[in-house]
């Protein structure tokens, strides 16, 4: 467990948070007095997004299926493409009727 004063914490907050993310614990001091403790959250205290929790419960009951992440190449390349020139010619022909 390490200590850090408020000013140093404010100056380099991102660096301290990176260390906390990796398990370090800091006692935050103000004029030599410990005023807070900075530590990673316990798994049982991490608040789950209520919408995600509801969706997960519905998926468990079989009421919906959660979307799967898109993976490149799953659907393959397009079957056929139309050349740009053919599209332009069709549009010009359509517009000529007006």
PDB file of N, CA and C in Angstrom:
ATOM      1  N   UNK A   1       0.856  -1.169   0.000  1.00  0.00           N
ATOM      2  CA  UNK A   1       0.000   0.000   0.000  1.00  0.00           C
ATOM      3  C   UNK A   1       0.904   1.233   0.000  1.00  0.00           C
ATOM      4  N   UNK A   2       0.593   2.153  -0.905  1.00  0.00           N
ATOM      5  CA  UNK A   2       1.379   3.370  -1.048  1.00  0.00           C
ATOM      6  C   UNK A   2       0.527   4.561  -0.655  1.00  0.00           C
ATOM      7  N   UNK A   3       1.186   5.706  -0.428  1.00  0.00           N
ATOM      8  CA  UNK A   3       0.454   6.935  -0.131  1.00  0.00           C
ATOM      9  C   UNK A   3       0.735   7.965  -1.214  1.00  0.00           C
ATOM     10  N   UNK A   4      -0.221   8.846  -1.427  1.00  0.00           N
ATOM     11  CA  UNK A   4      -0.072   9.926  -2.393  1.00  0.00           C
ATOM     12  C   UNK A   4      -0.879  11.107  -1.867  1.00  0.00           C
ATOM     13  N   UNK A   5      -0.308  12.309  -1.991  1.00  0.00           N
ATOM     14  CA  UNK A   5      -1.082  13.460  -1.531  1.00  0.00           C
ATOM     15  C   UNK A   5      -2.023  13.932  -2.642  1.00  0.00           C
ATOM     16  N   UNK A   6      -2.992  14.714  -2.264  1.00  0.00           N
ATOM     17  CA  UNK A   6      -4.055  15.123  -3.178  1.00  0.00           C
ATOM     18  C   UNK A   6      -3.489  15.842  -4.398  1.00  0.00           C
ATOM     19  N   UNK A   7      -2.546  16.739  -4.201  1.00  0.00           N
ATOM     20  CA  UNK A   7      -1.990  17.502  -5.325  1.00  0.00           C
ATOM     21  C   UNK A   7      -1.307  16.587  -6.325  1.00  0.00           C
ATOM     22  N   UNK A   8      -0.493  15.646  -5.857  1.00  0.00           N
ATOM     23  CA  UNK A   8       0.182  14.713  -6.767  1.00  0.00           C
ATOM     24  C   UNK A   8      -0.834  13.833  -7.492  1.00  0.00           C
ATOM     25  N   UNK A   9      -1.876  13.425  -6.772  1.00  0.00           N
ATOM     26  CA  UNK A   9      -2.917  12.609  -7.384  1.00  0.00           C
ATOM     27  C   UNK A   9      -3.613  13.379  -8.501  1.00  0.00           C
ATOM     28  N   UNK A  10      -3.937  14.646  -8.244  1.00  0.00           N
ATOM     29  CA  UNK A  10      -4.598  15.466  -9.268  1.00  0.00           C
ATOM     30  C   UNK A  10      -3.681  15.679 -10.473  1.00  0.00           C
ATOM     31  N   UNK A  11      -2.396  15.884 -10.215  1.00  0.00           N
ATOM     32  CA  UNK A  11      -1.455  16.159 -11.298  1.00  0.00           C
ATOM     33  C   UNK A  11      -1.261  14.958 -12.222  1.00  0.00           C
ATOM     34  N   UNK A  12      -1.285  13.748 -11.664  1.00  0.00           N
ATOM     35  CA  UNK A  12      -1.002  12.552 -12.458  1.00  0.00           C
ATOM     36  C   UNK A  12      -2.060  11.483 -12.239  1.00  0.00           C
ATOM     37  N   UNK A  13      -3.318  11.893 -12.277  1.00  0.00           N
ATOM     38  CA  UNK A  13      -4.415  10.970 -11.992  1.00  0.00           C
ATOM     39  C   UNK A  13      -4.408   9.758 -12.911  1.00  0.00           C
ATOM     40  N   UNK A  14      -4.203   9.964 -14.208  1.00  0.00           N
ATOM     41  CA  UNK A  14      -4.234   8.838 -15.150  1.00  0.00           C
ATOM     42  C   UNK A  14      -3.177   7.792 -14.811  1.00  0.00           C
ATOM     43  N   UNK A  15      -1.992   8.237 -14.451  1.00  0.00           N
ATOM     44  CA  UNK A  15      -0.918   7.295 -14.109  1.00  0.00           C
ATOM     45  C   UNK A  15      -1.271   6.495 -12.859  1.00  0.00           C
ATOM     46  N   UNK A  16      -1.829   7.162 -11.853  1.00  0.00           N
ATOM     47  CA  UNK A  16      -2.228   6.456 -10.627  1.00  0.00           C
ATOM     48  C   UNK A  16      -3.367   5.474 -10.908  1.00  0.00           C
ATOM     49  N   UNK A  17      -4.308   5.865 -11.756  1.00  0.00           N
ATOM     50  CA  UNK A  17      -5.418   4.968 -12.079  1.00  0.00           C
ATOM     51  C   UNK A  17      -4.940   3.733 -12.834  1.00  0.00           C
ATOM     52  N   UNK A  18      -3.925   3.900 -13.687  1.00  0.00           N
ATOM     53  CA  UNK A  18      -3.354   2.731 -14.370  1.00  0.00           C
ATOM     54  C   UNK A  18      -2.776   1.751 -13.355  1.00  0.00           C
ATOM     55  N   UNK A  19      -2.076   2.289 -12.353  1.00  0.00           N
ATOM     56  CA  UNK A  19      -1.501   1.421 -11.330  1.00  0.00           C
ATOM     57  C   UNK A  19      -2.589   0.743 -10.506  1.00  0.00           C
ATOM     58  N   UNK A  20      -3.639   1.474 -10.182  1.00  0.00           N
ATOM     59  CA  UNK A  20      -4.753   0.903  -9.425  1.00  0.00           C
ATOM     60  C   UNK A  20      -5.414  -0.207 -10.242  1.00  0.00           C
ATOM     61  N   UNK A  21      -5.554   0.011 -11.535  1.00  0.00           N
ATOM     62  CA  UNK A  21      -6.145  -1.004 -12.405  1.00  0.00           C
ATOM     63  C   UNK A  21      -5.357  -2.307 -12.333  1.00  0.00           C
ATOM     64  N   UNK A  22      -4.048  -2.202 -12.096  1.00  0.00           N
ATOM     65  CA  UNK A  22      -3.194  -3.390 -12.002  1.00  0.00           C
ATOM     66  C   UNK A  22      -3.066  -3.905 -10.575  1.00  0.00           C
ATOM     67  N   UNK A  23      -3.901  -3.392  -9.662  1.00  0.00           N
ATOM     68  CA  UNK A  23      -3.961  -3.949  -8.319  1.00  0.00           C
ATOM     69  C   UNK A  23      -3.329  -3.133  -7.207  1.00  0.00           C
ATOM     70  N   UNK A  24      -2.690  -2.028  -7.525  1.00  0.00           N
ATOM     71  CA  UNK A  24      -2.048  -1.203  -6.493  1.00  0.00           C
ATOM     72  C   UNK A  24      -3.119  -0.501  -5.648  1.00  0.00           C
ATOM     73  N   UNK A  25      -2.820  -0.293  -4.374  1.00  0.00           N
ATOM     74  CA  UNK A  25      -3.715   0.417  -3.456  1.00  0.00           C
ATOM     75  C   UNK A  25      -2.995   1.672  -2.964  1.00  0.00           C
ATOM     76  N   UNK A  26      -3.698   2.797  -2.987  1.00  0.00           N
ATOM     77  CA  UNK A  26      -3.131   4.070  -2.527  1.00  0.00           C
ATOM     78  C   UNK A  26      -3.976   4.648  -1.402  1.00  0.00           C
ATOM     79  N   UNK A  27      -3.289   5.181  -0.394  1.00  0.00           N
ATOM     80  CA  UNK A  27      -3.942   5.996   0.625  1.00  0.00           C
ATOM     81  C   UNK A  27      -3.746   7.443   0.190  1.00  0.00           C
ATOM     82  N   UNK A  28      -4.822   8.181   0.061  1.00  0.00           N
ATOM     83  CA  UNK A  28      -4.758   9.575  -0.373  1.00  0.00           C
ATOM     84  C   UNK A  28      -4.701  10.450   0.864  1.00  0.00           C
ATOM     85  N   UNK A  29      -3.700  11.323   0.906  1.00  0.00           N
ATOM     86  CA  UNK A  29      -3.531  12.178   2.082  1.00  0.00           C
ATOM     87  C   UNK A  29      -3.753  13.641   1.727  1.00  0.00           C
ATOM     88  N   UNK A  30      -4.243  14.389   2.719  1.00  0.00           N
ATOM     89  CA  UNK A  30      -4.409  15.834   2.595  1.00  0.00           C
ATOM     90  C   UNK A  30      -3.766  16.454   3.823  1.00  0.00           C
ATOM     91  N   UNK A  31      -2.664  17.146   3.618  1.00  0.00           N
ATOM     92  CA  UNK A  31      -1.887  17.745   4.705  1.00  0.00           C
ATOM     93  C   UNK A  31      -1.480  16.702   5.749  1.00  0.00           C
ATOM     94  N   UNK A  32      -1.084  15.528   5.241  1.00  0.00           N
ATOM     95  CA  UNK A  32      -0.580  14.483   6.130  1.00  0.00           C
ATOM     96  C   UNK A  32      -1.639  13.580   6.740  1.00  0.00           C
ATOM     97  N   UNK A  33      -2.911  13.847   6.503  1.00  0.00           N
ATOM     98  CA  UNK A  33      -3.992  13.033   7.065  1.00  0.00           C
ATOM     99  C   UNK A  33      -4.617  12.193   5.952  1.00  0.00           C
ATOM    100  N   UNK A  34      -4.783  10.910   6.205  1.00  0.00           N
ATOM    101  CA  UNK A  34      -5.406  10.032   5.216  1.00  0.00           C
ATOM    102  C   UNK A  34      -6.890  10.403   5.096  1.00  0.00           C
ATOM    103  N   UNK A  35      -7.316  10.704   3.861  1.00  0.00           N
ATOM    104  CA  UNK A  35      -8.699  11.108   3.635  1.00  0.00           C
ATOM    105  C   UNK A  35      -9.457  10.144   2.716  1.00  0.00           C
ATOM    106  N   UNK A  36      -8.724   9.262   2.029  1.00  0.00           N
ATOM    107  CA  UNK A  36      -9.389   8.334   1.110  1.00  0.00           C
ATOM    108  C   UNK A  36      -8.468   7.164   0.810  1.00  0.00           C
ATOM    109  N   UNK A  37      -9.078   6.135   0.275  1.00  0.00           N
ATOM    110  CA  UNK A  37      -8.326   4.956  -0.153  1.00  0.00           C
ATOM    111  C   UNK A  37      -8.710   4.696  -1.604  1.00  0.00           C
ATOM    112  N   UNK A  38      -7.713   4.531  -2.439  1.00  0.00           N
ATOM    113  CA  UNK A  38      -7.934   4.300  -3.858  1.00  0.00           C
ATOM    114  C   UNK A  38      -7.508   2.879  -4.172  1.00  0.00           C
ATOM    115  N   UNK A  39      -8.475   2.034  -4.571  1.00  0.00           N
ATOM    116  CA  UNK A  39      -8.195   0.624  -4.830  1.00  0.00           C
ATOM    117  C   UNK A  39      -9.103   0.132  -5.934  1.00  0.00           C
ATOM    118  N   UNK A  40      -8.753  -1.004  -6.573  1.00  0.00           N
ATOM    119  CA  UNK A  40      -9.639  -1.553  -7.597  1.00  0.00           C
ATOM    120  C   UNK A  40     -10.959  -2.001  -6.959  1.00  0.00           C
ATOM    121  N   UNK A  41     -12.050  -1.947  -7.697  1.00  0.00           N
ATOM    122  CA  UNK A  41     -13.332  -2.367  -7.128  1.00  0.00           C
ATOM    123  C   UNK A  41     -13.374  -3.883  -6.953  1.00  0.00           C
ATOM    124  N   UNK A  42     -14.099  -4.325  -5.935  1.00  0.00           N
ATOM    125  CA  UNK A  42     -14.317  -5.756  -5.755  1.00  0.00           C
ATOM    126  C   UNK A  42     -15.349  -6.195  -6.781  1.00  0.00           C
ATOM    127  N   UNK A  43     -15.249  -7.438  -7.216  1.00  0.00           N
ATOM    128  CA  UNK A  43     -16.154  -7.940  -8.252  1.00  0.00           C
ATOM    129  C   UNK A  43     -17.611  -7.837  -7.822  1.00  0.00           C
ATOM    130  N   UNK A  44     -17.879  -8.058  -6.533  1.00  0.00           N
ATOM    131  CA  UNK A  44     -19.269  -8.017  -6.076  1.00  0.00           C
ATOM    132  C   UNK A  44     -19.808  -6.600  -5.933  1.00  0.00           C
ATOM    133  N   UNK A  45     -18.926  -5.607  -6.054  1.00  0.00           N
ATOM    134  CA  UNK A  45     -19.379  -4.218  -5.927  1.00  0.00           C
ATOM    135  C   UNK A  45     -19.469  -3.492  -7.257  1.00  0.00           C
ATOM    136  N   UNK A  46     -19.016  -4.116  -8.331  1.00  0.00           N
ATOM    137  CA  UNK A  46     -19.080  -3.465  -9.632  1.00  0.00           C
ATOM    138  C   UNK A  46     -20.532  -3.469 -10.077  1.00  0.00           C
ATOM    139  N   UNK A  47     -21.066  -2.287 -10.255  1.00  0.00           N
ATOM    140  CA  UNK A  47     -22.475  -2.158 -10.631  1.00  0.00           C
ATOM    141  C   UNK A  47     -22.644  -2.506 -12.103  1.00  0.00           C
ATOM    142  N   UNK A  48     -23.535  -3.454 -12.375  1.00  0.00           N
ATOM    143  CA  UNK A  48     -23.814  -3.822 -13.752  1.00  0.00           C
ATOM    144  C   UNK A  48     -24.861  -2.865 -14.301  1.00  0.00           C
ATOM    145  N   UNK A  49     -24.712  -2.532 -15.567  1.00  0.00           N
ATOM    146  CA  UNK A  49     -25.681  -1.675 -16.236  1.00  0.00           C
ATOM    147  C   UNK A  49     -27.051  -2.346 -16.162  1.00  0.00           C
ATOM    148  N   UNK A  50     -28.071  -1.655 -15.652  1.00  0.00           N
ATOM    149  CA  UNK A  50     -29.382  -2.289 -15.493  1.00  0.00           C
ATOM    150  C   UNK A  50     -29.983  -2.786 -16.803  1.00  0.00           C
ATOM    151  N   UNK A  51     -29.722  -2.106 -17.900  1.00  0.00           N
ATOM    152  CA  UNK A  51     -30.246  -2.553 -19.191  1.00  0.00           C
ATOM    153  C   UNK A  51     -29.572  -3.858 -19.596  1.00  0.00           C
ATOM    154  N   UNK A  52     -28.232  -3.908 -19.439  1.00  0.00           N
ATOM    155  CA  UNK A  52     -27.505  -5.140 -19.762  1.00  0.00           C
ATOM    156  C   UNK A  52     -27.976  -6.284 -18.880  1.00  0.00           C
ATOM    157  N   UNK A  53     -28.211  -6.012 -17.603  1.00  0.00           N
ATOM    158  CA  UNK A  53     -28.667  -7.053 -16.685  1.00  0.00           C
ATOM    159  C   UNK A  53     -30.025  -7.581 -17.125  1.00  0.00           C
ATOM    160  N   UNK A  54     -30.922  -6.692 -17.516  1.00  0.00           N
ATOM    161  CA  UNK A  54     -32.252  -7.118 -17.961  1.00  0.00           C
ATOM    162  C   UNK A  54     -32.158  -7.935 -19.246  1.00  0.00           C
ATOM    163  N   UNK A  55     -31.320  -7.488 -20.180  1.00  0.00           N
ATOM    164  CA  UNK A  55     -31.155  -8.235 -21.425  1.00  0.00           C
ATOM    165  C   UNK A  55     -30.564  -9.622 -21.166  1.00  0.00           C
ATOM    166  N   UNK A  56     -29.603  -9.695 -20.256  1.00  0.00           N
ATOM    167  CA  UNK A  56     -29.008 -10.999 -19.923  1.00  0.00           C
ATOM    168  C   UNK A  56     -30.038 -11.931 -19.301  1.00  0.00           C
ATOM    169  N   UNK A  57     -30.888 -11.418 -18.415  1.00  0.00           N
ATOM    170  CA  UNK A  57     -31.941 -12.252 -17.815  1.00  0.00           C
ATOM    171  C   UNK A  57     -32.919 -12.753 -18.871  1.00  0.00           C
ATOM    172  N   UNK A  58     -33.287 -11.872 -19.814  1.00  0.00           N
ATOM    173  CA  UNK A  58     -34.210 -12.278 -20.874  1.00  0.00           C
ATOM    174  C   UNK A  58     -33.574 -13.336 -21.772  1.00  0.00           C
ATOM    175  N   UNK A  59     -32.283 -13.198 -22.041  1.00  0.00           N
ATOM    176  CA  UNK A  59     -31.588 -14.198 -22.861  1.00  0.00           C
ATOM    177  C   UNK A  59     -31.540 -15.538 -22.143  1.00  0.00           C
ATOM    178  N   UNK A  60     -31.313 -15.510 -20.836  1.00  0.00           N
ATOM    179  CA  UNK A  60     -31.281 -16.755 -20.067  1.00  0.00           C
ATOM    180  C   UNK A  60     -32.632 -17.463 -20.095  1.00  0.00           C
ATOM    181  N   UNK A  61     -33.721 -16.697 -20.108  1.00  0.00           N
ATOM    182  CA  UNK A  61     -35.066 -17.282 -20.154  1.00  0.00           C
ATOM    183  C   UNK A  61     -35.472 -17.679 -21.565  1.00  0.00           C
ATOM    184  N   UNK A  62     -34.636 -17.354 -22.561  1.00  0.00           N
ATOM    185  CA  UNK A  62     -34.939 -17.701 -23.938  1.00  0.00           C
ATOM    186  C   UNK A  62     -35.887 -16.736 -24.612  1.00  0.00           C
ATOM    187  N   UNK A  63     -36.102 -15.585 -24.046  1.00  0.00           N
ATOM    188  CA  UNK A  63     -37.005 -14.594 -24.613  1.00  0.00           C
ATOM    189  C   UNK A  63     -36.366 -13.793 -25.749  1.00  0.00           C
ATOM    190  N   UNK A  64     -35.049 -13.808 -25.805  1.00  0.00           N
ATOM    191  CA  UNK A  64     -34.342 -13.135 -26.886  1.00  0.00           C
ATOM    192  C   UNK A  64     -32.978 -13.776 -27.066  1.00  0.00           C
ATOM    193  N   UNK A  65     -32.361 -13.486 -28.204  1.00  0.00           N
ATOM    194  CA  UNK A  65     -30.996 -13.924 -28.449  1.00  0.00           C
ATOM    195  C   UNK A  65     -30.121 -12.685 -28.543  1.00  0.00           C
ATOM    196  N   UNK A  66     -29.009 -12.683 -27.832  1.00  0.00           N
ATOM    197  CA  UNK A  66     -28.081 -11.546 -27.877  1.00  0.00           C
ATOM    198  C   UNK A  66     -27.332 -11.576 -29.202  1.00  0.00           C
ATOM    199  N   UNK A  67     -27.098 -10.412 -29.762  1.00  0.00           N
ATOM    200  CA  UNK A  67     -26.357 -10.304 -31.016  1.00  0.00           C
ATOM    201  C   UNK A  67     -24.920 -10.754 -30.809  1.00  0.00           C
ATOM    202  N   UNK A  68     -24.371 -11.366 -31.827  1.00  0.00           N
ATOM    203  CA  UNK A  68     -22.976 -11.789 -31.790  1.00  0.00           C
ATOM    204  C   UNK A  68     -22.136 -10.722 -32.476  1.00  0.00           C
ATOM    205  N   UNK A  69     -20.893 -10.541 -32.022  1.00  0.00           N
ATOM    206  CA  UNK A  69     -20.051  -9.543 -32.674  1.00  0.00           C
ATOM    207  C   UNK A  69     -19.811  -9.914 -34.136  1.00  0.00           C
ATOM    208  N   UNK A  70     -19.730  -8.918 -34.978  1.00  0.00           N
ATOM    209  CA  UNK A  70     -19.488  -9.161 -36.400  1.00  0.00           C
ATOM    210  C   UNK A  70     -18.049  -9.628 -36.587  1.00  0.00           C
ATOM    211  N   UNK A  71     -17.895 -10.672 -37.355  1.00  0.00           N
ATOM    212  CA  UNK A  71     -16.575 -11.215 -37.646  1.00  0.00           C
ATOM    213  C   UNK A  71     -16.347 -11.063 -39.140  1.00  0.00           C
ATOM    214  N   UNK A  72     -15.206 -10.523 -39.501  1.00  0.00           N
ATOM    215  CA  UNK A  72     -14.897 -10.320 -40.902  1.00  0.00           C
ATOM    216  C   UNK A  72     -14.890 -11.652 -41.644  1.00  0.00           C
ATOM    217  N   UNK A  73     -15.477 -11.648 -42.814  1.00  0.00           N
ATOM    218  CA  UNK A  73     -15.451 -12.833 -43.648  1.00  0.00           C
ATOM    219  C   UNK A  73     -16.549 -13.836 -43.369  1.00  0.00           C
ATOM    220  N   UNK A  74     -17.394 -13.591 -42.389  1.00  0.00           N
ATOM    221  CA  UNK A  74     -18.449 -14.550 -42.069  1.00  0.00           C
ATOM    222  C   UNK A  74     -19.439 -14.654 -43.221  1.00  0.00           C
ATOM    223  N   UNK A  75     -19.793 -13.538 -43.806  1.00  0.00           N
ATOM    224  CA  UNK A  75     -20.790 -13.535 -44.861  1.00  0.00           C
ATOM    225  C   UNK A  75     -20.187 -13.668 -46.251  1.00  0.00           C
ATOM    226  N   UNK A  76     -18.894 -13.601 -46.367  1.00  0.00           N
ATOM    227  CA  UNK A  76     -18.249 -13.734 -47.673  1.00  0.00           C
ATOM    228  C   UNK A  76     -18.388 -12.474 -48.500  1.00  0.00           C
ATOM    229  N   UNK A  77     -17.765 -12.485 -49.678  1.00  0.00           N
ATOM    230  CA  UNK A  77     -17.829 -11.308 -50.546  1.00  0.00           C
ATOM    231  C   UNK A  77     -19.208 -11.200 -51.188  1.00  0.00           C
ATOM    232  N   UNK A  78     -19.558 -10.011 -51.689  1.00  0.00           N
ATOM    233  CA  UNK A  78     -20.839  -9.875 -52.370  1.00  0.00           C
ATOM    234  C   UNK A  78     -20.900 -10.801 -53.587  1.00  0.00           C
ATOM    235  N   UNK A  79     -22.088 -11.293 -53.884  1.00  0.00           N
ATOM    236  CA  UNK A  79     -22.254 -12.249 -54.972  1.00  0.00           C
ATOM    237  C   UNK A  79     -22.007 -11.592 -56.324  1.00  0.00           C
ATOM    238  N   UNK A  80     -22.581 -10.435 -56.544  1.00  0.00           N
ATOM    239  CA  UNK A  80     -22.402  -9.758 -57.820  1.00  0.00           C
ATOM    240  C   UNK A  80     -22.373  -8.258 -57.583  1.00  0.00           C
ATOM    241  N   UNK A  81     -21.633  -7.562 -58.424  1.00  0.00           N
ATOM    242  CA  UNK A  81     -21.607  -6.104 -58.348  1.00  0.00           C
ATOM    243  C   UNK A  81     -21.961  -5.559 -59.723  1.00  0.00           C
ATOM    244  N   UNK A  82     -22.529  -4.400 -59.751  1.00  0.00           N
ATOM    245  CA  UNK A  82     -22.905  -3.749 -61.006  1.00  0.00           C
ATOM    246  C   UNK A  82     -21.867  -2.669 -61.281  1.00  0.00           C
ATOM    247  N   UNK A  83     -21.298  -2.646 -62.468  1.00  0.00           N
ATOM    248  CA  UNK A  83     -20.317  -1.605 -62.790  1.00  0.00           C
ATOM    249  C   UNK A  83     -20.942  -0.206 -62.710  1.00  0.00           C
ATOM    250  N   UNK A  84     -20.143   0.741 -62.312  1.00  0.00           N
ATOM    251  CA  UNK A  84     -20.612   2.119 -62.168  1.00  0.00           C
ATOM    252  C   UNK A  84     -21.152   2.646 -63.496  1.00  0.00           C
ATOM    253  N   UNK A  85     -20.524   2.267 -64.594  1.00  0.00           N
ATOM    254  CA  UNK A  85     -20.964   2.747 -65.903  1.00  0.00           C
ATOM    255  C   UNK A  85     -22.390   2.270 -66.199  1.00  0.00           C
ATOM    256  N   UNK A  86     -22.707   1.045 -65.839  1.00  0.00           N
ATOM    257  CA  UNK A  86     -24.054   0.515 -66.079  1.00  0.00           C
ATOM    258  C   UNK A  86     -25.080   1.263 -65.236  1.00  0.00           C
ATOM    259  N   UNK A  87     -24.720   1.613 -64.027  1.00  0.00           N
ATOM    260  CA  UNK A  87     -25.627   2.370 -63.159  1.00  0.00           C
ATOM    261  C   UNK A  87     -25.873   3.751 -63.746  1.00  0.00           C
ATOM    262  N   UNK A  88     -24.802   4.397 -64.193  1.00  0.00           N
ATOM    263  CA  UNK A  88     -24.951   5.736 -64.796  1.00  0.00           C
ATOM    264  C   UNK A  88     -25.826   5.676 -66.046  1.00  0.00           C
ATOM    265  N   UNK A  89     -25.613   4.653 -66.891  1.00  0.00           N
ATOM    266  CA  UNK A  89     -26.404   4.523 -68.120  1.00  0.00           C
ATOM    267  C   UNK A  89     -27.878   4.316 -67.788  1.00  0.00           C
ATOM    268  N   UNK A  90     -28.170   3.496 -66.772  1.00  0.00           N
ATOM    269  CA  UNK A  90     -29.562   3.255 -66.382  1.00  0.00           C
ATOM    270  C   UNK A  90     -30.202   4.526 -65.847  1.00  0.00           C
ATOM    271  N   UNK A  91     -29.471   5.288 -65.035  1.00  0.00           N
ATOM    272  CA  UNK A  91     -29.997   6.549 -64.513  1.00  0.00           C
ATOM    273  C   UNK A  91     -30.234   7.550 -65.636  1.00  0.00           C
ATOM    274  N   UNK A  92     -29.281   7.644 -66.584  1.00  0.00           N
ATOM    275  CA  UNK A  92     -29.451   8.574 -67.716  1.00  0.00           C
ATOM    276  C   UNK A  92     -30.669   8.198 -68.544  1.00  0.00           C
ATOM    277  N   UNK A  93     -30.879   6.898 -68.778  1.00  0.00           N
ATOM    278  CA  UNK A  93     -32.037   6.446 -69.535  1.00  0.00           C
ATOM    279  C   UNK A  93     -33.329   6.773 -68.802  1.00  0.00           C
ATOM    280  N   UNK A  94     -33.341   6.577 -67.494  1.00  0.00           N
ATOM    281  CA  UNK A  94     -34.535   6.878 -66.682  1.00  0.00           C
ATOM    282  C   UNK A  94     -34.838   8.371 -66.725  1.00  0.00           C
ATOM    283  N   UNK A  95     -33.806   9.180 -66.606  1.00  0.00           N
ATOM    284  CA  UNK A  95     -34.002  10.624 -66.580  1.00  0.00           C
ATOM    285  C   UNK A  95     -34.395  11.167 -67.950  1.00  0.00           C
ATOM    286  N   UNK A  96     -34.010  10.473 -69.011  1.00  0.00           N
ATOM    287  CA  UNK A  96     -34.339  10.932 -70.374  1.00  0.00           C
ATOM    288  C   UNK A  96     -35.828  10.846 -70.628  1.00  0.00           C
ATOM    289  N   UNK A  97     -36.521   9.949 -69.898  1.00  0.00           N
ATOM    290  CA  UNK A  97     -37.972   9.795 -70.063  1.00  0.00           C
ATOM    291  C   UNK A  97     -38.734  11.006 -69.543  1.00  0.00           C
ATOM    292  N   UNK A  98     -38.172  11.815 -68.732  1.00  0.00           N
ATOM    293  CA  UNK A  98     -38.890  12.910 -68.071  1.00  0.00           C
ATOM    294  C   UNK A  98     -38.920  14.146 -68.910  1.00  0.00           C
TER     295      UNK A  98
END
